[in-house]
Amino acid sequence: MTQEHLILSPEKTLLSFRLAPITRRMWAQLLDLMILTGISSLATTLSLLFFSALPEFAFAFSSFVTAFAFFGYFAISEAKFQGQTLGKKALNVRVISVDGTPITVRQAWLRNLLRIADLLPGAYVVGVTSILANPRAQRLGDMVAGTMVVVEPKVSTNFAAAPHRYGMHHFEQYLAELPNMTLEEYIAMKRLCDRFPYLPAEEQARSIQDLWVPFAERHQVPAFANVHPILMMEAVVMRFSRIHHLV
């Protein structure tokens, strides 16, 4: 298994991701399992408290909550927090798509529903074997979902990948309807927003100058002295996706 994964982006920039070591992934998993154990214990206690007269129902209820928590905790956390659970955040690792873009909701659920296969025949044997043998350190769920686990890079800015699926960007209010913006431009801008935090500083500057500045002039996107262009870029992406029902 290699320690580095290289991706050539559509912007012809070589992106480098450090694959998360299996030991770090195991510690993250252990922390998450401790959280899930607490949830399971709470569910069992509440079931016995409220359904003491129906022990079979109490057992079924606590079992359902535990099973849902096992899959739902990982999938919902990774989908909502851009590839991180509490355990992954503590160990500084993140799940991303194999093309370097943030994980999608579909990918989050798919990779976690297949945890059952990785657990076989017990003690995570299939999952660990797959991680050690795969060049991207992918378990079975990752291979099917098209994801991989990487070490969170240290970047010189405080930018985060654009949250295209959540809420309304606070700079959208300064944008027009973008009537002449094309789908191809949207895809290019979205890819740039997704990858921007992982680009070296010089590539960030070049991308803004070569891609964003001409686009902003062409579509009359306002510029503010105290606002970084990436924020306006995110607003454009979310504005276009909202107008055209892409989110």
C-alpha atoms as a PDB file:
ATOM      1  CA  MET A   1       0.000   0.000   0.000  1.00  0.00           C
ATOM      2  CA  THR A   2       1.377   3.398  -0.981  1.00  0.00           C
ATOM      3  CA  GLN A   3       1.227   6.291   1.477  1.00  0.00           C
ATOM      4  CA  GLU A   4       0.398   8.943  -1.113  1.00  0.00           C
ATOM      5  CA  HIS A   5      -2.366   9.207  -3.689  1.00  0.00           C
ATOM      6  CA  LEU A   6      -1.955  11.602  -6.620  1.00  0.00           C
ATOM      7  CA  ILE A   7      -4.833  13.077  -8.648  1.00  0.00           C
ATOM      8  CA  LEU A   8      -4.595  15.198 -11.780  1.00  0.00           C
ATOM      9  CA  SER A   9      -7.450  17.691 -11.462  1.00  0.00           C
ATOM     10  CA  PRO A  10      -9.444  19.082 -14.431  1.00  0.00           C
ATOM     11  CA  GLU A  11      -7.529  22.309 -13.832  1.00  0.00           C
ATOM     12  CA  LYS A  12      -4.321  20.363 -14.702  1.00  0.00           C
ATOM     13  CA  THR A  13      -3.098  20.638 -11.118  1.00  0.00           C
ATOM     14  CA  LEU A  14      -1.526  17.636  -9.430  1.00  0.00           C
ATOM     15  CA  LEU A  15      -3.191  17.058  -6.053  1.00  0.00           C
ATOM     16  CA  SER A  16      -1.468  14.933  -3.440  1.00  0.00           C
ATOM     17  CA  PHE A  17      -3.351  13.178  -0.641  1.00  0.00           C
ATOM     18  CA  ARG A  18      -1.730  11.215   2.158  1.00  0.00           C
ATOM     19  CA  LEU A  19      -3.623   7.994   2.728  1.00  0.00           C
ATOM     20  CA  ALA A  20      -4.655   7.530   6.350  1.00  0.00           C
ATOM     21  CA  PRO A  21      -2.525   4.866   8.093  1.00  0.00           C
ATOM     22  CA  ILE A  22      -4.533   1.869   9.236  1.00  0.00           C
ATOM     23  CA  THR A  23      -3.516   2.485  12.862  1.00  0.00           C
ATOM     24  CA  ARG A  24      -4.949   5.988  12.766  1.00  0.00           C
ATOM     25  CA  ARG A  25      -8.163   4.678  11.200  1.00  0.00           C
ATOM     26  CA  MET A  26      -8.420   2.033  13.924  1.00  0.00           C
ATOM     27  CA  TRP A  27      -8.044   4.632  16.693  1.00  0.00           C
ATOM     28  CA  ALA A  28     -10.705   6.790  15.044  1.00  0.00           C
ATOM     29  CA  GLN A  29     -12.965   3.740  14.809  1.00  0.00           C
ATOM     30  CA  LEU A  30     -12.358   2.939  18.471  1.00  0.00           C
ATOM     31  CA  LEU A  31     -13.368   6.455  19.540  1.00  0.00           C
ATOM     32  CA  ASP A  32     -16.521   6.257  17.437  1.00  0.00           C
ATOM     33  CA  LEU A  33     -17.371   2.836  18.875  1.00  0.00           C
ATOM     34  CA  MET A  34     -17.023   4.270  22.389  1.00  0.00           C
ATOM     35  CA  ILE A  35     -19.571   6.933  21.442  1.00  0.00           C
ATOM     36  CA  LEU A  36     -21.873   4.284  19.980  1.00  0.00           C
ATOM     37  CA  THR A  37     -21.526   2.177  23.119  1.00  0.00           C
ATOM     38  CA  GLY A  38     -22.750   5.149  25.127  1.00  0.00           C
ATOM     39  CA  ILE A  39     -25.719   5.584  22.781  1.00  0.00           C
ATOM     40  CA  SER A  40     -26.538   1.876  23.016  1.00  0.00           C
ATOM     41  CA  SER A  41     -26.323   1.908  26.816  1.00  0.00           C
ATOM     42  CA  LEU A  42     -28.597   4.939  26.984  1.00  0.00           C
ATOM     43  CA  ALA A  43     -31.115   3.292  24.638  1.00  0.00           C
ATOM     44  CA  THR A  44     -31.118   0.119  26.740  1.00  0.00           C
ATOM     45  CA  THR A  45     -31.579   2.050  29.989  1.00  0.00           C
ATOM     46  CA  LEU A  46     -34.447   4.125  28.596  1.00  0.00           C
ATOM     47  CA  SER A  47     -36.103   1.032  27.114  1.00  0.00           C
ATOM     48  CA  LEU A  48     -36.065  -0.786  30.432  1.00  0.00           C
ATOM     49  CA  LEU A  49     -37.263   2.358  32.194  1.00  0.00           C
ATOM     50  CA  PHE A  50     -40.232   3.099  29.933  1.00  0.00           C
ATOM     51  CA  PHE A  51     -41.124  -0.437  28.827  1.00  0.00           C
ATOM     52  CA  SER A  52     -40.386  -2.422  31.976  1.00  0.00           C
ATOM     53  CA  ALA A  53     -43.731  -4.211  31.636  1.00  0.00           C
ATOM     54  CA  LEU A  54     -42.845  -5.297  28.096  1.00  0.00           C
ATOM     55  CA  PRO A  55     -39.312  -6.723  28.277  1.00  0.00           C
ATOM     56  CA  GLU A  56     -39.451  -8.220  24.779  1.00  0.00           C
ATOM     57  CA  PHE A  57     -40.479  -4.872  23.288  1.00  0.00           C
ATOM     58  CA  ALA A  58     -37.802  -3.104  25.322  1.00  0.00           C
ATOM     59  CA  PHE A  59     -35.166  -5.470  23.946  1.00  0.00           C
ATOM     60  CA  ALA A  60     -36.427  -5.026  20.373  1.00  0.00           C
ATOM     61  CA  PHE A  61     -36.496  -1.238  20.722  1.00  0.00           C
ATOM     62  CA  SER A  62     -32.977  -0.991  22.139  1.00  0.00           C
ATOM     63  CA  SER A  63     -31.696  -3.390  19.451  1.00  0.00           C
ATOM     64  CA  PHE A  64     -33.255  -1.258  16.710  1.00  0.00           C
ATOM     65  CA  VAL A  65     -31.754   1.948  18.107  1.00  0.00           C
ATOM     66  CA  THR A  66     -28.348   0.303  18.413  1.00  0.00           C
ATOM     67  CA  ALA A  67     -28.436  -1.043  14.841  1.00  0.00           C
ATOM     68  CA  PHE A  68     -29.592   2.281  13.398  1.00  0.00           C
ATOM     69  CA  ALA A  69     -26.994   4.167  15.410  1.00  0.00           C
ATOM     70  CA  PHE A  70     -24.228   1.899  14.120  1.00  0.00           C
ATOM     71  CA  PHE A  71     -24.961   2.687  10.478  1.00  0.00           C
ATOM     72  CA  GLY A  72     -26.638   6.075  10.852  1.00  0.00           C
ATOM     73  CA  TYR A  73     -23.965   7.643  13.050  1.00  0.00           C
ATOM     74  CA  PHE A  74     -21.210   7.051  10.507  1.00  0.00           C
ATOM     75  CA  ALA A  75     -23.265   7.807   7.393  1.00  0.00           C
ATOM     76  CA  ILE A  76     -24.978  10.949   8.694  1.00  0.00           C
ATOM     77  CA  SER A  77     -21.791  12.337  10.245  1.00  0.00           C
ATOM     78  CA  GLU A  78     -19.734  11.768   7.102  1.00  0.00           C
ATOM     79  CA  ALA A  79     -22.431  13.221   4.846  1.00  0.00           C
ATOM     80  CA  LYS A  80     -23.086  16.304   6.965  1.00  0.00           C
ATOM     81  CA  PHE A  81     -19.563  17.064   8.167  1.00  0.00           C
ATOM     82  CA  GLN A  82     -17.751  16.498   4.871  1.00  0.00           C
ATOM     83  CA  GLY A  83     -16.348  13.059   5.536  1.00  0.00           C
ATOM     84  CA  GLN A  84     -15.688  13.212   9.258  1.00  0.00           C
ATOM     85  CA  THR A  85     -17.139  11.564  12.348  1.00  0.00           C
ATOM     86  CA  LEU A  86     -16.098  12.691  15.815  1.00  0.00           C
ATOM     87  CA  GLY A  87     -13.476   9.958  15.870  1.00  0.00           C
ATOM     88  CA  LYS A  88     -12.110  10.881  12.460  1.00  0.00           C
ATOM     89  CA  LYS A  89     -11.990  14.549  13.411  1.00  0.00           C
ATOM     90  CA  ALA A  90     -10.067  13.741  16.578  1.00  0.00           C
ATOM     91  CA  LEU A  91      -7.524  11.691  14.588  1.00  0.00           C
ATOM     92  CA  ASN A  92      -7.389  14.254  11.767  1.00  0.00           C
ATOM     93  CA  VAL A  93      -8.607  11.973   8.962  1.00  0.00           C
ATOM     94  CA  ARG A  94     -11.384  12.469   6.431  1.00  0.00           C
ATOM     95  CA  VAL A  95     -13.326  10.466   3.845  1.00  0.00           C
ATOM     96  CA  ILE A  96     -13.246  11.936   0.331  1.00  0.00           C
ATOM     97  CA  SER A  97     -14.181  10.778  -3.163  1.00  0.00           C
ATOM     98  CA  VAL A  98     -11.395   9.118  -5.155  1.00  0.00           C
ATOM     99  CA  ASP A  99     -11.336  12.159  -7.476  1.00  0.00           C
ATOM    100  CA  GLY A 100     -10.507  14.427  -4.538  1.00  0.00           C
ATOM    101  CA  THR A 101     -13.937  16.021  -4.159  1.00  0.00           C
ATOM    102  CA  PRO A 102     -16.011  15.933  -0.935  1.00  0.00           C
ATOM    103  CA  ILE A 103     -17.998  12.796  -0.205  1.00  0.00           C
ATOM    104  CA  THR A 104     -21.683  12.829  -1.213  1.00  0.00           C
ATOM    105  CA  VAL A 105     -24.679  11.686   0.838  1.00  0.00           C
ATOM    106  CA  ARG A 106     -25.070   8.626  -1.413  1.00  0.00           C
ATOM    107  CA  GLN A 107     -21.422   7.680  -0.979  1.00  0.00           C
ATOM    108  CA  ALA A 108     -21.621   8.110   2.792  1.00  0.00           C
ATOM    109  CA  TRP A 109     -24.561   5.726   3.103  1.00  0.00           C
ATOM    110  CA  LEU A 110     -23.186   3.231   0.590  1.00  0.00           C
ATOM    111  CA  ARG A 111     -19.759   2.871   2.203  1.00  0.00           C
ATOM    112  CA  ASN A 112     -21.291   2.457   5.661  1.00  0.00           C
ATOM    113  CA  LEU A 113     -24.077   0.048   4.739  1.00  0.00           C
ATOM    114  CA  LEU A 114     -21.339  -2.257   3.468  1.00  0.00           C
ATOM    115  CA  ARG A 115     -19.591  -2.322   6.843  1.00  0.00           C
ATOM    116  CA  ILE A 116     -21.268  -5.697   7.409  1.00  0.00           C
ATOM    117  CA  ALA A 117     -19.187  -7.205   4.604  1.00  0.00           C
ATOM    118  CA  ASP A 118     -16.000  -5.691   6.030  1.00  0.00           C
ATOM    119  CA  LEU A 119     -16.725  -7.201   9.450  1.00  0.00           C
ATOM    120  CA  LEU A 120     -16.758 -10.762   8.076  1.00  0.00           C
ATOM    121  CA  PRO A 121     -15.848 -13.346   9.215  1.00  0.00           C
ATOM    122  CA  GLY A 122     -15.279 -11.410  12.425  1.00  0.00           C
ATOM    123  CA  ALA A 123     -12.858  -8.910  13.976  1.00  0.00           C
ATOM    124  CA  TYR A 124     -12.929  -6.817  10.771  1.00  0.00           C
ATOM    125  CA  VAL A 125     -10.757  -9.398   8.952  1.00  0.00           C
ATOM    126  CA  VAL A 126     -12.081  -8.646   5.453  1.00  0.00           C
ATOM    127  CA  GLY A 127     -11.900  -4.888   5.971  1.00  0.00           C
ATOM    128  CA  VAL A 128      -8.338  -4.901   7.330  1.00  0.00           C
ATOM    129  CA  THR A 129      -7.131  -7.267   4.597  1.00  0.00           C
ATOM    130  CA  SER A 130      -8.707  -5.068   1.939  1.00  0.00           C
ATOM    131  CA  ILE A 131      -7.140  -1.894   3.364  1.00  0.00           C
ATOM    132  CA  LEU A 132      -3.668  -3.459   3.458  1.00  0.00           C
ATOM    133  CA  ALA A 133      -3.917  -4.928  -0.052  1.00  0.00           C
ATOM    134  CA  ASN A 134      -5.605  -2.040  -1.852  1.00  0.00           C
ATOM    135  CA  PRO A 135      -3.395   0.689  -3.405  1.00  0.00           C
ATOM    136  CA  ARG A 136      -5.813   3.345  -2.109  1.00  0.00           C
ATOM    137  CA  ALA A 137      -6.188   1.667   1.297  1.00  0.00           C
ATOM    138  CA  GLN A 138      -9.873   1.075   0.561  1.00  0.00           C
ATOM    139  CA  ARG A 139     -12.084  -1.365   2.377  1.00  0.00           C
ATOM    140  CA  LEU A 140     -14.923  -3.005   0.409  1.00  0.00           C
ATOM    141  CA  GLY A 141     -17.348  -0.206   1.231  1.00  0.00           C
ATOM    142  CA  ASP A 142     -14.879   2.364  -0.084  1.00  0.00           C
ATOM    143  CA  MET A 143     -14.338   0.461  -3.324  1.00  0.00           C
ATOM    144  CA  VAL A 144     -18.065   0.278  -4.037  1.00  0.00           C
ATOM    145  CA  ALA A 145     -18.741   3.891  -3.002  1.00  0.00           C
ATOM    146  CA  GLY A 146     -15.688   5.328  -4.757  1.00  0.00           C
ATOM    147  CA  THR A 147     -14.204   6.816  -1.586  1.00  0.00           C
ATOM    148  CA  MET A 148     -10.936   6.747   0.333  1.00  0.00           C
ATOM    149  CA  VAL A 149      -9.732   7.878   3.753  1.00  0.00           C
ATOM    150  CA  VAL A 150      -6.973  10.491   3.846  1.00  0.00           C
ATOM    151  CA  VAL A 151      -5.096  12.490   6.432  1.00  0.00           C
ATOM    152  CA  GLU A 152      -6.550  15.979   6.696  1.00  0.00           C
ATOM    153  CA  PRO A 153      -4.008  18.262   5.024  1.00  0.00           C
ATOM    154  CA  LYS A 154      -2.598  21.292   6.775  1.00  0.00           C
ATOM    155  CA  VAL A 155      -3.406  24.325   4.673  1.00  0.00           C
ATOM    156  CA  SER A 156      -2.292  27.910   5.123  1.00  0.00           C
ATOM    157  CA  THR A 157      -5.841  29.261   5.040  1.00  0.00           C
ATOM    158  CA  ASN A 158      -9.000  28.699   7.023  1.00  0.00           C
ATOM    159  CA  PHE A 159     -11.062  27.689   4.012  1.00  0.00           C
ATOM    160  CA  ALA A 160     -13.343  24.672   4.017  1.00  0.00           C
ATOM    161  CA  ALA A 161     -14.753  22.883   1.011  1.00  0.00           C
ATOM    162  CA  ALA A 162     -17.882  24.600  -0.250  1.00  0.00           C
ATOM    163  CA  PRO A 163     -21.022  23.224   1.493  1.00  0.00           C
ATOM    164  CA  HIS A 164     -23.028  22.987  -1.732  1.00  0.00           C
ATOM    165  CA  ARG A 165     -25.812  20.928  -0.210  1.00  0.00           C
ATOM    166  CA  TYR A 166     -26.499  22.844   2.972  1.00  0.00           C
ATOM    167  CA  GLY A 167     -28.235  26.123   3.679  1.00  0.00           C
ATOM    168  CA  MET A 168     -27.889  29.380   1.781  1.00  0.00           C
ATOM    169  CA  HIS A 169     -24.546  31.112   1.324  1.00  0.00           C
ATOM    170  CA  HIS A 170     -24.576  34.544   2.975  1.00  0.00           C
ATOM    171  CA  PHE A 171     -23.020  36.204  -0.112  1.00  0.00           C
ATOM    172  CA  GLU A 172     -25.762  34.992  -2.467  1.00  0.00           C
ATOM    173  CA  GLN A 173     -27.714  38.157  -1.715  1.00  0.00           C
ATOM    174  CA  TYR A 174     -25.165  40.194  -3.689  1.00  0.00           C
ATOM    175  CA  LEU A 175     -25.536  38.109  -6.855  1.00  0.00           C
ATOM    176  CA  ALA A 176     -27.884  38.532  -9.792  1.00  0.00           C
ATOM    177  CA  GLU A 177     -29.669  35.632 -11.491  1.00  0.00           C
ATOM    178  CA  LEU A 178     -26.544  34.727 -13.525  1.00  0.00           C
ATOM    179  CA  PRO A 179     -28.606  34.359 -16.739  1.00  0.00           C
ATOM    180  CA  ASN A 180     -25.617  33.673 -19.003  1.00  0.00           C
ATOM    181  CA  MET A 181     -23.794  31.196 -16.785  1.00  0.00           C
ATOM    182  CA  THR A 182     -23.536  27.758 -18.390  1.00  0.00           C
ATOM    183  CA  LEU A 183     -23.625  24.301 -16.846  1.00  0.00           C
ATOM    184  CA  GLU A 184     -20.012  23.780 -17.934  1.00  0.00           C
ATOM    185  CA  GLU A 185     -18.978  26.904 -16.025  1.00  0.00           C
ATOM    186  CA  TYR A 186     -20.914  25.702 -12.990  1.00  0.00           C
ATOM    187  CA  ILE A 187     -19.108  22.351 -13.042  1.00  0.00           C
ATOM    188  CA  ALA A 188     -15.719  24.056 -13.389  1.00  0.00           C
ATOM    189  CA  MET A 189     -16.427  26.489 -10.530  1.00  0.00           C
ATOM    190  CA  LYS A 190     -17.780  23.736  -8.283  1.00  0.00           C
ATOM    191  CA  ARG A 191     -14.710  21.587  -8.844  1.00  0.00           C
ATOM    192  CA  LEU A 192     -12.464  24.518  -8.055  1.00  0.00           C
ATOM    193  CA  CYS A 193     -14.387  25.258  -4.836  1.00  0.00           C
ATOM    194  CA  ASP A 194     -14.184  21.614  -3.765  1.00  0.00           C
ATOM    195  CA  ARG A 195     -10.449  21.355  -4.381  1.00  0.00           C
ATOM    196  CA  PHE A 196      -9.393  24.853  -3.317  1.00  0.00           C
ATOM    197  CA  PRO A 197      -8.495  23.968   0.309  1.00  0.00           C
ATOM    198  CA  TYR A 198      -6.124  21.235  -0.912  1.00  0.00           C
ATOM    199  CA  LEU A 199      -4.255  23.331  -3.492  1.00  0.00           C
ATOM    200  CA  PRO A 200      -0.819  24.783  -2.708  1.00  0.00           C
ATOM    201  CA  ALA A 201      -0.889  28.547  -2.102  1.00  0.00           C
ATOM    202  CA  GLU A 202       0.638  29.327  -5.494  1.00  0.00           C
ATOM    203  CA  GLU A 203      -1.958  27.161  -7.268  1.00  0.00           C
ATOM    204  CA  GLN A 204      -4.743  28.871  -5.325  1.00  0.00           C
ATOM    205  CA  ALA A 205      -3.515  32.249  -6.548  1.00  0.00           C
ATOM    206  CA  ARG A 206      -3.116  31.018 -10.128  1.00  0.00           C
ATOM    207  CA  SER A 207      -6.599  29.454 -10.178  1.00  0.00           C
ATOM    208  CA  ILE A 208      -8.171  32.682  -8.966  1.00  0.00           C
ATOM    209  CA  GLN A 209      -6.326  34.753 -11.554  1.00  0.00           C
ATOM    210  CA  ASP A 210      -6.793  32.385 -14.511  1.00  0.00           C
ATOM    211  CA  LEU A 211     -10.266  30.987 -13.819  1.00  0.00           C
ATOM    212  CA  TRP A 212     -12.156  33.153 -11.365  1.00  0.00           C
ATOM    213  CA  VAL A 213     -11.213  36.698 -12.415  1.00  0.00           C
ATOM    214  CA  PRO A 214     -12.274  36.251 -16.093  1.00  0.00           C
ATOM    215  CA  PHE A 215     -15.476  34.514 -14.973  1.00  0.00           C
ATOM    216  CA  ALA A 216     -16.338  37.267 -12.477  1.00  0.00           C
ATOM    217  CA  GLU A 217     -15.765  39.979 -15.080  1.00  0.00           C
ATOM    218  CA  ARG A 218     -17.821  38.112 -17.671  1.00  0.00           C
ATOM    219  CA  HIS A 219     -20.799  37.650 -15.352  1.00  0.00           C
ATOM    220  CA  GLN A 220     -20.434  40.930 -13.430  1.00  0.00           C
ATOM    221  CA  VAL A 221     -19.909  39.286 -10.055  1.00  0.00           C
ATOM    222  CA  PRO A 222     -19.103  42.001  -7.491  1.00  0.00           C
ATOM    223  CA  ALA A 223     -15.787  42.013  -5.647  1.00  0.00           C
ATOM    224  CA  PHE A 224     -15.318  43.236  -2.085  1.00  0.00           C
ATOM    225  CA  ALA A 225     -11.994  44.392  -0.684  1.00  0.00           C
ATOM    226  CA  ASN A 226     -12.323  42.412   2.551  1.00  0.00           C
ATOM    227  CA  VAL A 227     -13.880  39.255   1.051  1.00  0.00           C
ATOM    228  CA  HIS A 228     -11.724  36.449  -0.360  1.00  0.00           C
ATOM    229  CA  PRO A 229     -12.701  35.397  -3.914  1.00  0.00           C
ATOM    230  CA  ILE A 230     -13.353  31.804  -2.798  1.00  0.00           C
ATOM    231  CA  LEU A 231     -16.349  33.014  -0.784  1.00  0.00           C
ATOM    232  CA  MET A 232     -17.876  34.700  -3.829  1.00  0.00           C
ATOM    233  CA  MET A 233     -17.047  31.608  -5.859  1.00  0.00           C
ATOM    234  CA  GLU A 234     -18.951  29.427  -3.391  1.00  0.00           C
ATOM    235  CA  ALA A 235     -21.883  31.850  -3.497  1.00  0.00           C
ATOM    236  CA  VAL A 236     -22.001  31.667  -7.308  1.00  0.00           C
ATOM    237  CA  VAL A 237     -21.987  27.866  -7.247  1.00  0.00           C
ATOM    238  CA  MET A 238     -24.772  27.699  -4.692  1.00  0.00           C
ATOM    239  CA  ARG A 239     -26.796  30.421  -6.402  1.00  0.00           C
ATOM    240  CA  PHE A 240     -26.662  28.641  -9.767  1.00  0.00           C
ATOM    241  CA  SER A 241     -27.422  25.241  -8.234  1.00  0.00           C
ATOM    242  CA  ARG A 242     -30.408  26.665  -6.371  1.00  0.00           C
ATOM    243  CA  ILE A 243     -31.822  28.423  -9.450  1.00  0.00           C
ATOM    244  CA  HIS A 244     -31.496  25.286 -11.557  1.00  0.00           C
ATOM    245  CA  HIS A 245     -32.617  22.869  -8.820  1.00  0.00           C
ATOM    246  CA  LEU A 246     -29.282  21.054  -8.596  1.00  0.00           C
ATOM    247  CA  VAL A 247     -29.429  20.813  -4.791  1.00  0.00           C
END
